[in-house]
């Protein structure tokens, strides 16, 4: 199963993207996503949004996901396939 889906360049941008976890589905606003960062090898990635700090981990590089997040081209992230953890901040 694919771990994330992106929007093609010719398609219109969406104001939100979907994050799925084992127990919930979230629609997250791109306007609220901040502090996107990844480890040097792109095996871990995290960002802050309206639900807290989202941490993702994979045994495969998430460099493409990182780049797609930079361009706000992510449509859906399957967090349950990326060891998703959500922590409250502030």
N, C-alpha and C. Protein backbone atom coordinates (compact mmCIF):
# COMPACT_ATOMS: atom_id res chain seq x y z
N UNK A 1 0.85 -1.19 0.00
CA UNK A 1 0.00 0.00 0.00
C UNK A 1 0.88 1.24 0.00
N UNK A 2 0.47 2.22 -0.77
CA UNK A 2 1.21 3.47 -0.86
C UNK A 2 1.08 4.24 0.46
N UNK A 3 2.17 4.89 0.89
CA UNK A 3 2.18 5.55 2.20
C UNK A 3 1.70 6.99 2.14
N UNK A 4 1.74 7.61 0.96
CA UNK A 4 1.19 8.95 0.78
C UNK A 4 0.83 9.16 -0.67
N UNK A 5 -0.06 10.10 -0.89
CA UNK A 5 -0.51 10.45 -2.24
C UNK A 5 -0.31 11.94 -2.46
N UNK A 6 0.07 12.31 -3.66
CA UNK A 6 0.30 13.71 -3.98
C UNK A 6 -0.62 14.17 -5.12
N UNK A 7 -0.66 15.47 -5.28
CA UNK A 7 -1.43 16.10 -6.35
C UNK A 7 -0.47 16.42 -7.48
N UNK A 8 -0.86 16.10 -8.71
CA UNK A 8 0.00 16.41 -9.86
C UNK A 8 0.09 17.92 -10.04
N UNK A 9 1.17 18.38 -10.67
CA UNK A 9 1.41 19.80 -10.85
C UNK A 9 0.29 20.50 -11.63
N UNK A 10 -0.34 19.79 -12.55
CA UNK A 10 -1.40 20.43 -13.34
C UNK A 10 -2.73 20.50 -12.60
N UNK A 11 -2.84 19.84 -11.46
CA UNK A 11 -4.07 19.86 -10.67
C UNK A 11 -4.07 21.03 -9.70
N UNK A 12 -5.26 21.52 -9.38
CA UNK A 12 -5.40 22.64 -8.45
C UNK A 12 -4.99 22.22 -7.04
N UNK A 13 -4.39 23.16 -6.32
CA UNK A 13 -4.02 22.91 -4.93
C UNK A 13 -5.26 22.81 -4.06
N UNK A 14 -5.18 22.02 -3.01
CA UNK A 14 -6.28 21.87 -2.07
C UNK A 14 -5.91 22.58 -0.76
N UNK A 15 -6.89 23.16 -0.05
CA UNK A 15 -6.57 23.87 1.18
C UNK A 15 -6.25 22.94 2.36
N UNK A 16 -6.59 21.67 2.22
CA UNK A 16 -6.36 20.71 3.30
C UNK A 16 -5.80 19.40 2.74
N UNK A 17 -5.19 18.63 3.64
CA UNK A 17 -4.78 17.28 3.28
C UNK A 17 -5.25 16.33 4.36
N UNK A 18 -5.36 15.08 4.01
CA UNK A 18 -5.87 14.05 4.92
C UNK A 18 -4.71 13.32 5.57
N UNK A 19 -4.80 13.14 6.89
CA UNK A 19 -3.87 12.31 7.64
C UNK A 19 -4.68 11.21 8.29
N UNK A 20 -4.36 9.97 7.99
CA UNK A 20 -5.05 8.84 8.62
C UNK A 20 -4.13 8.22 9.67
N UNK A 21 -4.75 7.76 10.75
CA UNK A 21 -4.02 7.02 11.78
C UNK A 21 -4.79 5.73 12.03
N UNK A 22 -4.32 4.93 12.95
CA UNK A 22 -5.03 3.68 13.24
C UNK A 22 -6.44 3.91 13.75
N UNK A 23 -6.65 5.07 14.43
CA UNK A 23 -7.94 5.31 15.07
C UNK A 23 -8.74 6.48 14.51
N UNK A 24 -8.08 7.38 13.76
CA UNK A 24 -8.78 8.59 13.33
C UNK A 24 -8.36 9.00 11.93
N UNK A 25 -9.23 9.84 11.34
CA UNK A 25 -8.94 10.51 10.07
C UNK A 25 -8.99 12.00 10.35
N UNK A 26 -7.97 12.73 9.89
CA UNK A 26 -7.91 14.18 10.09
C UNK A 26 -7.87 14.87 8.74
N UNK A 27 -8.49 16.05 8.65
CA UNK A 27 -8.29 16.96 7.53
C UNK A 27 -7.53 18.14 8.11
N UNK A 28 -6.31 18.34 7.65
CA UNK A 28 -5.42 19.36 8.20
C UNK A 28 -5.25 20.49 7.21
N UNK A 29 -5.24 21.70 7.73
CA UNK A 29 -5.12 22.89 6.91
C UNK A 29 -3.66 23.19 6.60
N UNK A 30 -3.35 23.41 5.32
CA UNK A 30 -1.99 23.79 4.94
C UNK A 30 -1.60 25.09 5.61
N UNK A 31 -2.56 25.99 5.85
CA UNK A 31 -2.27 27.28 6.48
C UNK A 31 -1.76 27.12 7.91
N UNK A 32 -2.05 25.98 8.53
CA UNK A 32 -1.64 25.74 9.91
C UNK A 32 -0.38 24.88 10.03
N UNK A 33 0.14 24.38 8.94
CA UNK A 33 1.33 23.51 8.98
C UNK A 33 2.59 24.38 9.04
N UNK A 34 3.41 24.13 10.06
CA UNK A 34 4.65 24.87 10.24
C UNK A 34 5.76 23.92 10.65
N UNK A 35 6.96 24.43 10.64
CA UNK A 35 8.14 23.71 11.15
C UNK A 35 8.28 22.30 10.59
N UNK A 36 8.19 22.17 9.28
CA UNK A 36 8.39 20.87 8.65
C UNK A 36 9.88 20.57 8.65
N UNK A 37 10.26 19.44 9.19
CA UNK A 37 11.68 19.06 9.19
C UNK A 37 11.84 17.56 9.04
N UNK A 38 12.98 17.17 8.53
CA UNK A 38 13.28 15.75 8.31
C UNK A 38 14.71 15.47 8.75
N UNK A 39 14.96 14.23 9.10
CA UNK A 39 16.33 13.83 9.41
C UNK A 39 17.15 13.87 8.12
N UNK A 40 18.45 13.86 8.26
CA UNK A 40 19.33 13.95 7.10
C UNK A 40 19.06 12.84 6.08
N UNK A 41 18.73 11.65 6.57
CA UNK A 41 18.45 10.51 5.68
C UNK A 41 16.97 10.41 5.28
N UNK A 42 16.15 11.35 5.75
CA UNK A 42 14.72 11.42 5.45
C UNK A 42 13.93 10.19 5.93
N UNK A 43 14.46 9.49 6.93
CA UNK A 43 13.73 8.35 7.49
C UNK A 43 12.75 8.78 8.58
N UNK A 44 12.90 10.00 9.06
CA UNK A 44 11.93 10.57 10.00
C UNK A 44 11.59 11.98 9.54
N UNK A 45 10.34 12.34 9.78
CA UNK A 45 9.84 13.64 9.35
C UNK A 45 8.84 14.10 10.40
N UNK A 46 8.84 15.39 10.67
CA UNK A 46 7.86 15.91 11.62
C UNK A 46 7.40 17.30 11.19
N UNK A 47 6.20 17.65 11.66
CA UNK A 47 5.67 18.99 11.41
C UNK A 47 4.68 19.33 12.51
N UNK A 48 4.43 20.62 12.66
CA UNK A 48 3.46 21.10 13.64
C UNK A 48 2.23 21.57 12.88
N UNK A 49 1.07 21.24 13.43
CA UNK A 49 -0.20 21.65 12.81
C UNK A 49 -1.24 21.84 13.91
N UNK A 50 -2.49 22.00 13.54
CA UNK A 50 -3.53 22.29 14.51
C UNK A 50 -3.80 21.16 15.51
N UNK A 51 -3.37 19.95 15.24
CA UNK A 51 -3.59 18.85 16.19
C UNK A 51 -2.35 18.58 17.05
N UNK A 52 -1.26 19.27 16.79
CA UNK A 52 -0.03 19.09 17.57
C UNK A 52 1.17 18.82 16.68
N UNK A 53 2.19 18.20 17.25
CA UNK A 53 3.37 17.81 16.47
C UNK A 53 3.16 16.41 15.95
N UNK A 54 3.22 16.28 14.64
CA UNK A 54 3.05 14.98 13.98
C UNK A 54 4.43 14.45 13.63
N UNK A 55 4.74 13.25 14.09
CA UNK A 55 6.02 12.60 13.80
C UNK A 55 5.76 11.36 12.98
N UNK A 56 6.52 11.23 11.88
CA UNK A 56 6.41 10.08 10.99
C UNK A 56 7.77 9.40 10.90
N UNK A 57 7.78 8.09 10.77
CA UNK A 57 9.02 7.33 10.63
C UNK A 57 8.81 6.21 9.61
N UNK A 58 9.88 5.95 8.85
CA UNK A 58 9.79 4.93 7.81
C UNK A 58 11.15 4.26 7.65
N UNK A 59 11.15 3.05 7.13
CA UNK A 59 12.42 2.39 6.81
C UNK A 59 12.86 2.73 5.39
N UNK A 60 12.05 3.52 4.68
CA UNK A 60 12.39 4.01 3.34
C UNK A 60 12.40 5.54 3.38
N UNK A 61 13.22 6.15 2.55
CA UNK A 61 13.33 7.60 2.50
C UNK A 61 11.98 8.26 2.23
N UNK A 62 11.73 9.35 2.96
CA UNK A 62 10.53 10.16 2.74
C UNK A 62 10.91 11.49 2.11
N UNK A 63 12.01 11.51 1.37
CA UNK A 63 12.45 12.74 0.72
C UNK A 63 11.39 13.27 -0.25
N UNK A 64 10.73 12.38 -0.97
CA UNK A 64 9.68 12.81 -1.90
C UNK A 64 8.50 13.42 -1.14
N UNK A 65 8.14 12.85 0.01
CA UNK A 65 7.07 13.40 0.83
C UNK A 65 7.47 14.79 1.33
N UNK A 66 8.70 14.93 1.77
CA UNK A 66 9.21 16.22 2.25
C UNK A 66 9.09 17.28 1.16
N UNK A 67 9.53 16.95 -0.04
CA UNK A 67 9.45 17.88 -1.16
C UNK A 67 8.01 18.21 -1.53
N UNK A 68 7.14 17.24 -1.47
CA UNK A 68 5.73 17.48 -1.78
C UNK A 68 5.06 18.33 -0.71
N UNK A 69 5.49 18.18 0.53
CA UNK A 69 4.96 19.04 1.59
C UNK A 69 5.43 20.48 1.40
N UNK A 70 6.67 20.64 0.97
CA UNK A 70 7.19 21.98 0.71
C UNK A 70 6.33 22.70 -0.34
N UNK A 71 5.89 21.97 -1.35
CA UNK A 71 5.07 22.54 -2.43
C UNK A 71 3.57 22.47 -2.14
N UNK A 72 3.20 21.97 -0.96
CA UNK A 72 1.80 21.80 -0.55
C UNK A 72 1.03 20.94 -1.55
N UNK A 73 1.67 19.88 -2.01
CA UNK A 73 1.09 18.99 -3.02
C UNK A 73 0.69 17.63 -2.45
N UNK A 74 0.67 17.49 -1.14
CA UNK A 74 0.27 16.22 -0.53
C UNK A 74 -1.25 16.20 -0.41
N UNK A 75 -1.85 15.11 -0.82
CA UNK A 75 -3.31 14.94 -0.71
C UNK A 75 -3.66 14.09 0.51
N UNK A 76 -2.87 13.04 0.77
CA UNK A 76 -3.18 12.12 1.86
C UNK A 76 -1.89 11.47 2.36
N UNK A 77 -1.76 11.38 3.69
CA UNK A 77 -0.66 10.65 4.33
C UNK A 77 -1.28 9.52 5.14
N UNK A 78 -0.84 8.30 4.88
CA UNK A 78 -1.30 7.15 5.66
C UNK A 78 -0.38 6.99 6.87
N UNK A 79 -0.72 7.69 7.93
CA UNK A 79 0.11 7.69 9.14
C UNK A 79 0.27 6.32 9.76
N UNK A 80 -0.74 5.48 9.62
CA UNK A 80 -0.65 4.14 10.21
C UNK A 80 0.44 3.31 9.55
N UNK A 81 0.86 3.68 8.35
CA UNK A 81 1.95 2.98 7.67
C UNK A 81 3.31 3.64 7.92
N UNK A 82 3.29 4.78 8.63
CA UNK A 82 4.52 5.55 8.87
C UNK A 82 4.75 5.78 10.35
N UNK A 83 4.33 4.84 11.18
CA UNK A 83 4.54 4.92 12.63
C UNK A 83 4.20 6.30 13.18
N UNK A 84 3.04 6.82 12.78
CA UNK A 84 2.62 8.18 13.14
C UNK A 84 2.39 8.32 14.64
N UNK A 85 2.99 9.39 15.17
CA UNK A 85 2.75 9.78 16.57
C UNK A 85 2.33 11.24 16.56
N UNK A 86 1.35 11.57 17.40
CA UNK A 86 0.89 12.95 17.51
C UNK A 86 1.07 13.38 18.96
N UNK A 87 1.80 14.47 19.15
CA UNK A 87 2.05 14.97 20.50
C UNK A 87 1.51 16.39 20.63
N UNK A 88 0.89 16.68 21.73
CA UNK A 88 0.40 18.03 21.99
C UNK A 88 1.56 18.98 22.18
N UNK A 89 1.43 20.21 21.69
CA UNK A 89 2.46 21.23 21.87
C UNK A 89 1.84 22.48 22.50
N UNK A 90 2.70 23.23 23.19
CA UNK A 90 2.37 24.53 23.72
C UNK A 90 1.23 24.60 24.61
